[in-house]
Amino acid sequence: VGGLFGEDQEDLVSPSDGVIIGHATLPIVNQGDALFHVAA
């Protein structure tokens, strides 16, 4: 996730071994938006 110019990108990483069972389809996000649902 980066700014409007692609600056200051930050990585989202998986918190556990598992399977992604849900994800956000809208790429425009606010801080704290749920982007991935990972089943451990």
PDB file of all heavy atoms in Angstrom:
ATOM      1  N   VAL A   1       0.853  -1.185   0.000  1.00  0.00           N
ATOM      2  CA  VAL A   1       0.000   0.000   0.000  1.00  0.00           C
ATOM      3  C   VAL A   1       0.891   1.237   0.000  1.00  0.00           C
ATOM      4  O   VAL A   1       1.767   1.382   0.864  1.00  0.00           O
ATOM      5  CB  VAL A   1      -0.930   0.038   1.225  1.00  0.00           C
ATOM      6  CG1 VAL A   1      -1.838   1.280   1.164  1.00  0.00           C
ATOM      7  CG2 VAL A   1      -1.783  -1.217   1.302  1.00  0.00           C
ATOM      8  N   GLY A   2       0.683   2.099  -0.999  1.00  0.00           N
ATOM      9  CA  GLY A   2       1.446   3.338  -1.085  1.00  0.00           C
ATOM     10  C   GLY A   2       0.534   4.528  -1.258  1.00  0.00           C
ATOM     11  O   GLY A   2      -0.701   4.401  -1.332  1.00  0.00           O
ATOM     12  N   GLY A   3       1.128   5.714  -1.334  1.00  0.00           N
ATOM     13  CA  GLY A   3       0.355   6.938  -1.503  1.00  0.00           C
ATOM     14  C   GLY A   3      -0.108   7.131  -2.934  1.00  0.00           C
ATOM     15  O   GLY A   3       0.051   6.259  -3.797  1.00  0.00           O
ATOM     16  N   LEU A   4      -0.674   8.299  -3.201  1.00  0.00           N
ATOM     17  CA  LEU A   4      -1.230   8.583  -4.521  1.00  0.00           C
ATOM     18  C   LEU A   4      -0.179   8.529  -5.619  1.00  0.00           C
ATOM     19  O   LEU A   4      -0.490   8.244  -6.773  1.00  0.00           O
ATOM     20  CB  LEU A   4      -1.891   9.970  -4.520  1.00  0.00           C
ATOM     21  CG  LEU A   4      -3.222  10.076  -3.774  1.00  0.00           C
ATOM     22  CD1 LEU A   4      -3.710  11.519  -3.805  1.00  0.00           C
ATOM     23  CD2 LEU A   4      -4.270   9.156  -4.393  1.00  0.00           C
ATOM     24  N   PHE A   5       1.063   8.827  -5.277  1.00  0.00           N
ATOM     25  CA  PHE A   5       2.146   8.798  -6.256  1.00  0.00           C
ATOM     26  C   PHE A   5       2.943   7.504  -6.168  1.00  0.00           C
ATOM     27  O   PHE A   5       4.014   7.374  -6.786  1.00  0.00           O
ATOM     28  CB  PHE A   5       3.067  10.006  -6.037  1.00  0.00           C
ATOM     29  CG  PHE A   5       2.354  11.326  -6.153  1.00  0.00           C
ATOM     30  CD1 PHE A   5       1.958  12.015  -5.018  1.00  0.00           C
ATOM     31  CD2 PHE A   5       2.045  11.861  -7.393  1.00  0.00           C
ATOM     32  CE1 PHE A   5       1.292  13.210  -5.113  1.00  0.00           C
ATOM     33  CE2 PHE A   5       1.374  13.072  -7.506  1.00  0.00           C
ATOM     34  CZ  PHE A   5       0.988  13.757  -6.362  1.00  0.00           C
ATOM     35  N   GLY A   6       2.437   6.552  -5.376  1.00  0.00           N
ATOM     36  CA  GLY A   6       3.147   5.298  -5.182  1.00  0.00           C
ATOM     37  C   GLY A   6       4.255   5.388  -4.160  1.00  0.00           C
ATOM     38  O   GLY A   6       5.047   4.446  -4.015  1.00  0.00           O
ATOM     39  N   GLU A   7       4.309   6.502  -3.431  1.00  0.00           N
ATOM     40  CA  GLU A   7       5.395   6.728  -2.486  1.00  0.00           C
ATOM     41  C   GLU A   7       5.140   6.008  -1.159  1.00  0.00           C
ATOM     42  O   GLU A   7       4.019   5.651  -0.839  1.00  0.00           O
ATOM     43  CB  GLU A   7       5.574   8.232  -2.231  1.00  0.00           C
ATOM     44  CG  GLU A   7       4.552   8.880  -1.297  1.00  0.00           C
ATOM     45  CD  GLU A   7       3.213   9.187  -1.954  1.00  0.00           C
ATOM     46  OE1 GLU A   7       2.995   8.744  -3.104  1.00  0.00           O
ATOM     47  OE2 GLU A   7       2.376   9.853  -1.319  1.00  0.00           O
ATOM     48  N   ASP A   8       6.237   5.817  -0.422  1.00  0.00           N
ATOM     49  CA  ASP A   8       6.176   5.309   0.962  1.00  0.00           C
ATOM     50  C   ASP A   8       5.362   4.022   1.067  1.00  0.00           C
ATOM     51  O   ASP A   8       4.478   3.882   1.925  1.00  0.00           O
ATOM     52  CB  ASP A   8       5.588   6.361   1.908  1.00  0.00           C
ATOM     53  CG  ASP A   8       6.391   7.657   1.905  1.00  0.00           C
ATOM     54  OD1 ASP A   8       7.623   7.563   1.736  1.00  0.00           O
ATOM     55  OD2 ASP A   8       5.784   8.733   2.053  1.00  0.00           O
ATOM     56  N   GLN A   9       5.637   3.080   0.206  1.00  0.00           N
ATOM     57  CA  GLN A   9       4.879   1.831   0.216  1.00  0.00           C
ATOM     58  C   GLN A   9       5.171   1.021   1.475  1.00  0.00           C
ATOM     59  O   GLN A   9       6.311   0.967   1.958  1.00  0.00           O
ATOM     60  CB  GLN A   9       5.218   0.990  -1.016  1.00  0.00           C
ATOM     61  CG  GLN A   9       4.700   1.588  -2.313  1.00  0.00           C
ATOM     62  CD  GLN A   9       4.755   0.606  -3.465  1.00  0.00           C
ATOM     63  OE1 GLN A   9       5.227  -0.522  -3.314  1.00  0.00           O
ATOM     64  NE2 GLN A   9       4.250   1.008  -4.622  1.00  0.00           N
ATOM     65  N   GLU A  10       4.112   0.411   1.987  1.00  0.00           N
ATOM     66  CA  GLU A  10       4.241  -0.471   3.142  1.00  0.00           C
ATOM     67  C   GLU A  10       3.704  -1.847   2.774  1.00  0.00           C
ATOM     68  O   GLU A  10       2.725  -1.968   2.022  1.00  0.00           O
ATOM     69  CB  GLU A  10       3.484   0.087   4.354  1.00  0.00           C
ATOM     70  CG  GLU A  10       4.031   1.412   4.855  1.00  0.00           C
ATOM     71  CD  GLU A  10       3.425   1.818   6.189  1.00  0.00           C
ATOM     72  OE1 GLU A  10       3.217   0.927   7.050  1.00  0.00           O
ATOM     73  OE2 GLU A  10       3.166   3.018   6.364  1.00  0.00           O
ATOM     74  N   ASP A  11       4.356  -2.883   3.305  1.00  0.00           N
ATOM     75  CA  ASP A  11       4.002  -4.265   2.985  1.00  0.00           C
ATOM     76  C   ASP A  11       2.949  -4.795   3.951  1.00  0.00           C
ATOM     77  O   ASP A  11       2.962  -4.483   5.145  1.00  0.00           O
ATOM     78  CB  ASP A  11       5.227  -5.178   3.073  1.00  0.00           C
ATOM     79  CG  ASP A  11       6.244  -4.887   1.991  1.00  0.00           C
ATOM     80  OD1 ASP A  11       5.915  -4.132   1.050  1.00  0.00           O
ATOM     81  OD2 ASP A  11       7.371  -5.415   2.090  1.00  0.00           O
ATOM     82  N   LEU A  12       2.026  -5.602   3.408  1.00  0.00           N
ATOM     83  CA  LEU A  12       1.119  -6.415   4.226  1.00  0.00           C
ATOM     84  C   LEU A  12       1.592  -7.851   4.112  1.00  0.00           C
ATOM     85  O   LEU A  12       1.804  -8.348   2.998  1.00  0.00           O
ATOM     86  CB  LEU A  12      -0.326  -6.342   3.716  1.00  0.00           C
ATOM     87  CG  LEU A  12      -1.195  -5.147   4.108  1.00  0.00           C
ATOM     88  CD1 LEU A  12      -0.794  -3.944   3.279  1.00  0.00           C
ATOM     89  CD2 LEU A  12      -2.656  -5.477   3.868  1.00  0.00           C
ATOM     90  N   VAL A  13       1.757  -8.508   5.236  1.00  0.00           N
ATOM     91  CA  VAL A  13       2.230  -9.892   5.212  1.00  0.00           C
ATOM     92  C   VAL A  13       1.266 -10.785   5.957  1.00  0.00           C
ATOM     93  O   VAL A  13       0.479 -10.333   6.799  1.00  0.00           O
ATOM     94  CB  VAL A  13       3.651 -10.016   5.825  1.00  0.00           C
ATOM     95  CG1 VAL A  13       4.642  -9.174   5.044  1.00  0.00           C
ATOM     96  CG2 VAL A  13       3.643  -9.607   7.294  1.00  0.00           C
ATOM     97  N   SER A  14       1.314 -12.068   5.643  1.00  0.00           N
ATOM     98  CA  SER A  14       0.419 -13.033   6.283  1.00  0.00           C
ATOM     99  C   SER A  14       0.801 -13.214   7.750  1.00  0.00           C
ATOM    100  O   SER A  14       1.979 -13.404   8.079  1.00  0.00           O
ATOM    101  CB  SER A  14       0.487 -14.382   5.567  1.00  0.00           C
ATOM    102  OG  SER A  14      -0.327 -15.328   6.235  1.00  0.00           O
ATOM    103  N   PRO A  15      -0.198 -13.205   8.657  1.00  0.00           N
ATOM    104  CA  PRO A  15       0.097 -13.383  10.076  1.00  0.00           C
ATOM    105  C   PRO A  15       0.262 -14.843  10.479  1.00  0.00           C
ATOM    106  O   PRO A  15       0.647 -15.134  11.614  1.00  0.00           O
ATOM    107  CB  PRO A  15      -1.141 -12.784  10.757  1.00  0.00           C
ATOM    108  CG  PRO A  15      -2.247 -13.040   9.783  1.00  0.00           C
ATOM    109  CD  PRO A  15      -1.617 -12.913   8.417  1.00  0.00           C
ATOM    110  N   SER A  16      -0.037 -15.762   9.564  1.00  0.00           N
ATOM    111  CA  SER A  16       0.004 -17.183   9.928  1.00  0.00           C
ATOM    112  C   SER A  16       0.138 -18.038   8.682  1.00  0.00           C
ATOM    113  O   SER A  16      -0.042 -17.558   7.554  1.00  0.00           O
ATOM    114  CB  SER A  16      -1.271 -17.582  10.685  1.00  0.00           C
ATOM    115  OG  SER A  16      -2.413 -17.393   9.855  1.00  0.00           O
ATOM    116  N   ASP A  17       0.463 -19.312   8.887  1.00  0.00           N
ATOM    117  CA  ASP A  17       0.343 -20.294   7.811  1.00  0.00           C
ATOM    118  C   ASP A  17      -1.144 -20.541   7.574  1.00  0.00           C
ATOM    119  O   ASP A  17      -1.904 -20.741   8.529  1.00  0.00           O
ATOM    120  CB  ASP A  17       1.000 -21.621   8.208  1.00  0.00           C
ATOM    121  CG  ASP A  17       2.516 -21.510   8.310  1.00  0.00           C
ATOM    122  OD1 ASP A  17       3.059 -20.434   8.008  1.00  0.00           O
ATOM    123  OD2 ASP A  17       3.143 -22.509   8.697  1.00  0.00           O
ATOM    124  N   GLY A  18      -1.567 -20.533   6.336  1.00  0.00           N
ATOM    125  CA  GLY A  18      -2.987 -20.772   6.099  1.00  0.00           C
ATOM    126  C   GLY A  18      -3.395 -20.540   4.666  1.00  0.00           C
ATOM    127  O   GLY A  18      -2.584 -20.608   3.738  1.00  0.00           O
ATOM    128  N   VAL A  19      -4.679 -20.245   4.510  1.00  0.00           N
ATOM    129  CA  VAL A  19      -5.286 -20.031   3.200  1.00  0.00           C
ATOM    130  C   VAL A  19      -6.034 -18.710   3.229  1.00  0.00           C
ATOM    131  O   VAL A  19      -6.733 -18.403   4.202  1.00  0.00           O
ATOM    132  CB  VAL A  19      -6.263 -21.174   2.856  1.00  0.00           C
ATOM    133  CG1 VAL A  19      -6.968 -20.903   1.533  1.00  0.00           C
ATOM    134  CG2 VAL A  19      -5.533 -22.504   2.798  1.00  0.00           C
ATOM    135  N   ILE A  20      -5.882 -17.920   2.178  1.00  0.00           N
ATOM    136  CA  ILE A  20      -6.656 -16.685   2.073  1.00  0.00           C
ATOM    137  C   ILE A  20      -8.084 -17.057   1.688  1.00  0.00           C
ATOM    138  O   ILE A  20      -8.321 -17.640   0.630  1.00  0.00           O
ATOM    139  CB  ILE A  20      -6.049 -15.736   1.026  1.00  0.00           C
ATOM    140  CG1 ILE A  20      -4.618 -15.369   1.412  1.00  0.00           C
ATOM    141  CG2 ILE A  20      -6.901 -14.474   0.890  1.00  0.00           C
ATOM    142  CD1 ILE A  20      -3.897 -14.567   0.345  1.00  0.00           C
ATOM    143  N   ILE A  21      -9.033 -16.741   2.559  1.00  0.00           N
ATOM    144  CA  ILE A  21     -10.431 -17.103   2.301  1.00  0.00           C
ATOM    145  C   ILE A  21     -11.275 -15.896   1.916  1.00  0.00           C
ATOM    146  O   ILE A  21     -12.460 -16.030   1.615  1.00  0.00           O
ATOM    147  CB  ILE A  21     -11.061 -17.818   3.508  1.00  0.00           C
ATOM    148  CG1 ILE A  21     -11.026 -16.944   4.761  1.00  0.00           C
ATOM    149  CG2 ILE A  21     -10.374 -19.158   3.753  1.00  0.00           C
ATOM    150  CD1 ILE A  21     -11.815 -17.524   5.928  1.00  0.00           C
ATOM    151  N   GLY A  22     -10.683 -14.712   1.906  1.00  0.00           N
ATOM    152  CA  GLY A  22     -11.404 -13.524   1.488  1.00  0.00           C
ATOM    153  C   GLY A  22     -10.446 -12.383   1.242  1.00  0.00           C
ATOM    154  O   GLY A  22      -9.391 -12.293   1.882  1.00  0.00           O
ATOM    155  N   HIS A  23     -10.788 -11.504   0.293  1.00  0.00           N
ATOM    156  CA  HIS A  23      -9.946 -10.338   0.058  1.00  0.00           C
ATOM    157  C   HIS A  23     -10.797  -9.176  -0.433  1.00  0.00           C
ATOM    158  O   HIS A  23     -11.891  -9.359  -0.974  1.00  0.00           O
ATOM    159  CB  HIS A  23      -8.833 -10.648  -0.964  1.00  0.00           C
ATOM    160  CG  HIS A  23      -9.318 -10.872  -2.363  1.00  0.00           C
ATOM    161  ND1 HIS A  23      -9.603 -12.122  -2.870  1.00  0.00           N
ATOM    162  CD2 HIS A  23      -9.563  -9.998  -3.379  1.00  0.00           C
ATOM    163  CE1 HIS A  23     -10.003 -12.015  -4.123  1.00  0.00           C
ATOM    164  NE2 HIS A  23      -9.990 -10.737  -4.456  1.00  0.00           N
ATOM    165  N   ALA A  24     -10.288  -7.959  -0.197  1.00  0.00           N
ATOM    166  CA  ALA A  24     -10.944  -6.758  -0.696  1.00  0.00           C
ATOM    167  C   ALA A  24     -10.663  -6.618  -2.188  1.00  0.00           C
ATOM    168  O   ALA A  24      -9.549  -6.861  -2.642  1.00  0.00           O
ATOM    169  CB  ALA A  24     -10.440  -5.534   0.062  1.00  0.00           C
ATOM    170  N   THR A  25     -11.680  -6.232  -2.942  1.00  0.00           N
ATOM    171  CA  THR A  25     -11.512  -6.056  -4.386  1.00  0.00           C
ATOM    172  C   THR A  25     -11.312  -4.592  -4.769  1.00  0.00           C
ATOM    173  O   THR A  25     -10.971  -4.301  -5.907  1.00  0.00           O
ATOM    174  CB  THR A  25     -12.738  -6.607  -5.137  1.00  0.00           C
ATOM    175  OG1 THR A  25     -13.922  -5.912  -4.696  1.00  0.00           O
ATOM    176  CG2 THR A  25     -12.901  -8.094  -4.884  1.00  0.00           C
ATOM    177  N   LEU A  26     -11.536  -3.673  -3.841  1.00  0.00           N
ATOM    178  CA  LEU A  26     -11.361  -2.246  -4.101  1.00  0.00           C
ATOM    179  C   LEU A  26      -9.946  -1.831  -3.692  1.00  0.00           C
ATOM    180  O   LEU A  26      -9.575  -1.967  -2.522  1.00  0.00           O
ATOM    181  CB  LEU A  26     -12.397  -1.431  -3.316  1.00  0.00           C
ATOM    182  CG  LEU A  26     -12.444   0.070  -3.575  1.00  0.00           C
ATOM    183  CD1 LEU A  26     -12.904   0.352  -5.005  1.00  0.00           C
ATOM    184  CD2 LEU A  26     -13.375   0.756  -2.575  1.00  0.00           C
ATOM    185  N   PRO A  27      -9.128  -1.348  -4.620  1.00  0.00           N
ATOM    186  CA  PRO A  27      -7.735  -1.044  -4.276  1.00  0.00           C
ATOM    187  C   PRO A  27      -7.535   0.268  -3.531  1.00  0.00           C
ATOM    188  O   PRO A  27      -6.456   0.508  -2.990  1.00  0.00           O
ATOM    189  CB  PRO A  27      -7.043  -1.000  -5.647  1.00  0.00           C
ATOM    190  CG  PRO A  27      -8.121  -0.639  -6.606  1.00  0.00           C
ATOM    191  CD  PRO A  27      -9.385  -1.231  -6.071  1.00  0.00           C
ATOM    192  N   ILE A  28      -8.527   1.136  -3.503  1.00  0.00           N
ATOM    193  CA  ILE A  28      -8.419   2.412  -2.785  1.00  0.00           C
ATOM    194  C   ILE A  28      -8.813   2.164  -1.341  1.00  0.00           C
ATOM    195  O   ILE A  28      -9.943   1.745  -1.060  1.00  0.00           O
ATOM    196  CB  ILE A  28      -9.321   3.472  -3.429  1.00  0.00           C
ATOM    197  CG1 ILE A  28      -8.945   3.654  -4.903  1.00  0.00           C
ATOM    198  CG2 ILE A  28      -9.229   4.796  -2.683  1.00  0.00           C
ATOM    199  CD1 ILE A  28      -9.962   4.410  -5.706  1.00  0.00           C
ATOM    200  N   VAL A  29      -7.887   2.410  -0.403  1.00  0.00           N
ATOM    201  CA  VAL A  29      -8.108   1.971   0.974  1.00  0.00           C
ATOM    202  C   VAL A  29      -7.844   3.097   1.966  1.00  0.00           C
ATOM    203  O   VAL A  29      -7.057   4.017   1.707  1.00  0.00           O
ATOM    204  CB  VAL A  29      -7.204   0.765   1.330  1.00  0.00           C
ATOM    205  CG1 VAL A  29      -7.478  -0.391   0.380  1.00  0.00           C
ATOM    206  CG2 VAL A  29      -5.728   1.134   1.291  1.00  0.00           C
ATOM    207  N   ASN A  30      -8.505   2.991   3.099  1.00  0.00           N
ATOM    208  CA  ASN A  30      -8.215   3.817   4.258  1.00  0.00           C
ATOM    209  C   ASN A  30      -7.361   3.015   5.226  1.00  0.00           C
ATOM    210  O   ASN A  30      -7.389   1.778   5.224  1.00  0.00           O
ATOM    211  CB  ASN A  30      -9.502   4.252   4.955  1.00  0.00           C
ATOM    212  CG  ASN A  30     -10.325   5.205   4.123  1.00  0.00           C
ATOM    213  OD1 ASN A  30      -9.862   6.276   3.749  1.00  0.00           O
ATOM    214  ND2 ASN A  30     -11.558   4.818   3.822  1.00  0.00           N
ATOM    215  N   GLN A  31      -6.623   3.710   6.049  1.00  0.00           N
ATOM    216  CA  GLN A  31      -5.864   3.016   7.080  1.00  0.00           C
ATOM    217  C   GLN A  31      -6.820   2.221   7.959  1.00  0.00           C
ATOM    218  O   GLN A  31      -7.845   2.717   8.410  1.00  0.00           O
ATOM    219  CB  GLN A  31      -5.097   4.030   7.933  1.00  0.00           C
ATOM    220  CG  GLN A  31      -4.209   3.379   8.986  1.00  0.00           C
ATOM    221  CD  GLN A  31      -3.383   4.413   9.745  1.00  0.00           C
ATOM    222  OE1 GLN A  31      -3.354   5.581   9.369  1.00  0.00           O
ATOM    223  NE2 GLN A  31      -2.718   3.983  10.798  1.00  0.00           N
ATOM    224  N   GLY A  32      -6.494   0.936   8.167  1.00  0.00           N
ATOM    225  CA  GLY A  32      -7.328   0.069   8.994  1.00  0.00           C
ATOM    226  C   GLY A  32      -8.344  -0.750   8.228  1.00  0.00           C
ATOM    227  O   GLY A  32      -8.993  -1.626   8.805  1.00  0.00           O
ATOM    228  N   ASP A  33      -8.504  -0.494   6.924  1.00  0.00           N
ATOM    229  CA  ASP A  33      -9.437  -1.312   6.141  1.00  0.00           C
ATOM    230  C   ASP A  33      -8.968  -2.770   6.118  1.00  0.00           C
ATOM    231  O   ASP A  33      -7.774  -3.059   5.974  1.00  0.00           O
ATOM    232  CB  ASP A  33      -9.523  -0.809   4.697  1.00  0.00           C
ATOM    233  CG  ASP A  33     -10.383   0.423   4.543  1.00  0.00           C
ATOM    234  OD1 ASP A  33     -11.003   0.848   5.547  1.00  0.00           O
ATOM    235  OD2 ASP A  33     -10.425   0.983   3.431  1.00  0.00           O
ATOM    236  N   ALA A  34      -9.926  -3.690   6.232  1.00  0.00           N
ATOM    237  CA  ALA A  34      -9.615  -5.120   6.177  1.00  0.00           C
ATOM    238  C   ALA A  34      -9.398  -5.522   4.725  1.00  0.00           C
ATOM    239  O   ALA A  34     -10.307  -5.409   3.896  1.00  0.00           O
ATOM    240  CB  ALA A  34     -10.750  -5.931   6.787  1.00  0.00           C
ATOM    241  N   LEU A  35      -8.198  -6.000   4.406  1.00  0.00           N
ATOM    242  CA  LEU A  35      -7.846  -6.300   3.020  1.00  0.00           C
ATOM    243  C   LEU A  35      -7.766  -7.795   2.726  1.00  0.00           C
ATOM    244  O   LEU A  35      -8.042  -8.211   1.608  1.00  0.00           O
ATOM    245  CB  LEU A  35      -6.511  -5.640   2.657  1.00  0.00           C
ATOM    246  CG  LEU A  35      -6.446  -4.123   2.796  1.00  0.00           C
ATOM    247  CD1 LEU A  35      -5.141  -3.600   2.211  1.00  0.00           C
ATOM    248  CD2 LEU A  35      -7.635  -3.450   2.125  1.00  0.00           C
ATOM    249  N   PHE A  36      -7.371  -8.590   3.711  1.00  0.00           N
ATOM    250  CA  PHE A  36      -7.268 -10.041   3.516  1.00  0.00           C
ATOM    251  C   PHE A  36      -7.802 -10.755   4.742  1.00  0.00           C
ATOM    252  O   PHE A  36      -7.593 -10.326   5.877  1.00  0.00           O
ATOM    253  CB  PHE A  36      -5.807 -10.467   3.290  1.00  0.00           C
ATOM    254  CG  PHE A  36      -5.211  -9.987   2.014  1.00  0.00           C
ATOM    255  CD1 PHE A  36      -4.548  -8.766   1.961  1.00  0.00           C
ATOM    256  CD2 PHE A  36      -5.306 -10.738   0.853  1.00  0.00           C
ATOM    257  CE1 PHE A  36      -3.991  -8.307   0.784  1.00  0.00           C
ATOM    258  CE2 PHE A  36      -4.757 -10.284  -0.333  1.00  0.00           C
ATOM    259  CZ  PHE A  36      -4.103  -9.064  -0.380  1.00  0.00           C
ATOM    260  N   HIS A  37      -8.487 -11.882   4.491  1.00  0.00           N
ATOM    261  CA  HIS A  37      -8.971 -12.753   5.562  1.00  0.00           C
ATOM    262  C   HIS A  37      -8.210 -14.068   5.422  1.00  0.00           C
ATOM    263  O   HIS A  37      -8.344 -14.769   4.418  1.00  0.00           O
ATOM    264  CB  HIS A  37     -10.476 -12.976   5.410  1.00  0.00           C
ATOM    265  CG  HIS A  37     -11.134 -13.544   6.617  1.00  0.00           C
ATOM    266  ND1 HIS A  37     -12.473 -13.900   6.647  1.00  0.00           N
ATOM    267  CD2 HIS A  37     -10.659 -13.812   7.866  1.00  0.00           C
ATOM    268  CE1 HIS A  37     -12.777 -14.370   7.842  1.00  0.00           C
ATOM    269  NE2 HIS A  37     -11.698 -14.325   8.597  1.00  0.00           N
ATOM    270  N   VAL A  38      -7.395 -14.371   6.419  1.00  0.00           N
ATOM    271  CA  VAL A  38      -6.532 -15.549   6.359  1.00  0.00           C
ATOM    272  C   VAL A  38      -7.003 -16.565   7.391  1.00  0.00           C
ATOM    273  O   VAL A  38      -7.075 -16.265   8.584  1.00  0.00           O
ATOM    274  CB  VAL A  38      -5.060 -15.183   6.627  1.00  0.00           C
ATOM    275  CG1 VAL A  38      -4.182 -16.437   6.571  1.00  0.00           C
ATOM    276  CG2 VAL A  38      -4.570 -14.150   5.612  1.00  0.00           C
ATOM    277  N   ALA A  39      -7.355 -17.758   6.928  1.00  0.00           N
ATOM    278  CA  ALA A  39      -7.717 -18.859   7.820  1.00  0.00           C
ATOM    279  C   ALA A  39      -6.454 -19.617   8.184  1.00  0.00           C
ATOM    280  O   ALA A  39      -5.729 -20.096   7.311  1.00  0.00           O
ATOM    281  CB  ALA A  39      -8.722 -19.798   7.143  1.00  0.00           C
ATOM    282  N   ALA A  40      -6.181 -19.703   9.485  1.00  0.00           N
ATOM    283  CA  ALA A  40      -4.978 -20.394   9.942  1.00  0.00           C
ATOM    284  C   ALA A  40      -5.150 -21.894   9.771  1.00  0.00           C
ATOM    285  O   ALA A  40      -6.200 -22.459  10.077  1.00  0.00           O
ATOM    286  CB  ALA A  40      -4.710 -20.065  11.408  1.00  0.00           C
TER     287      ALA A  40
END
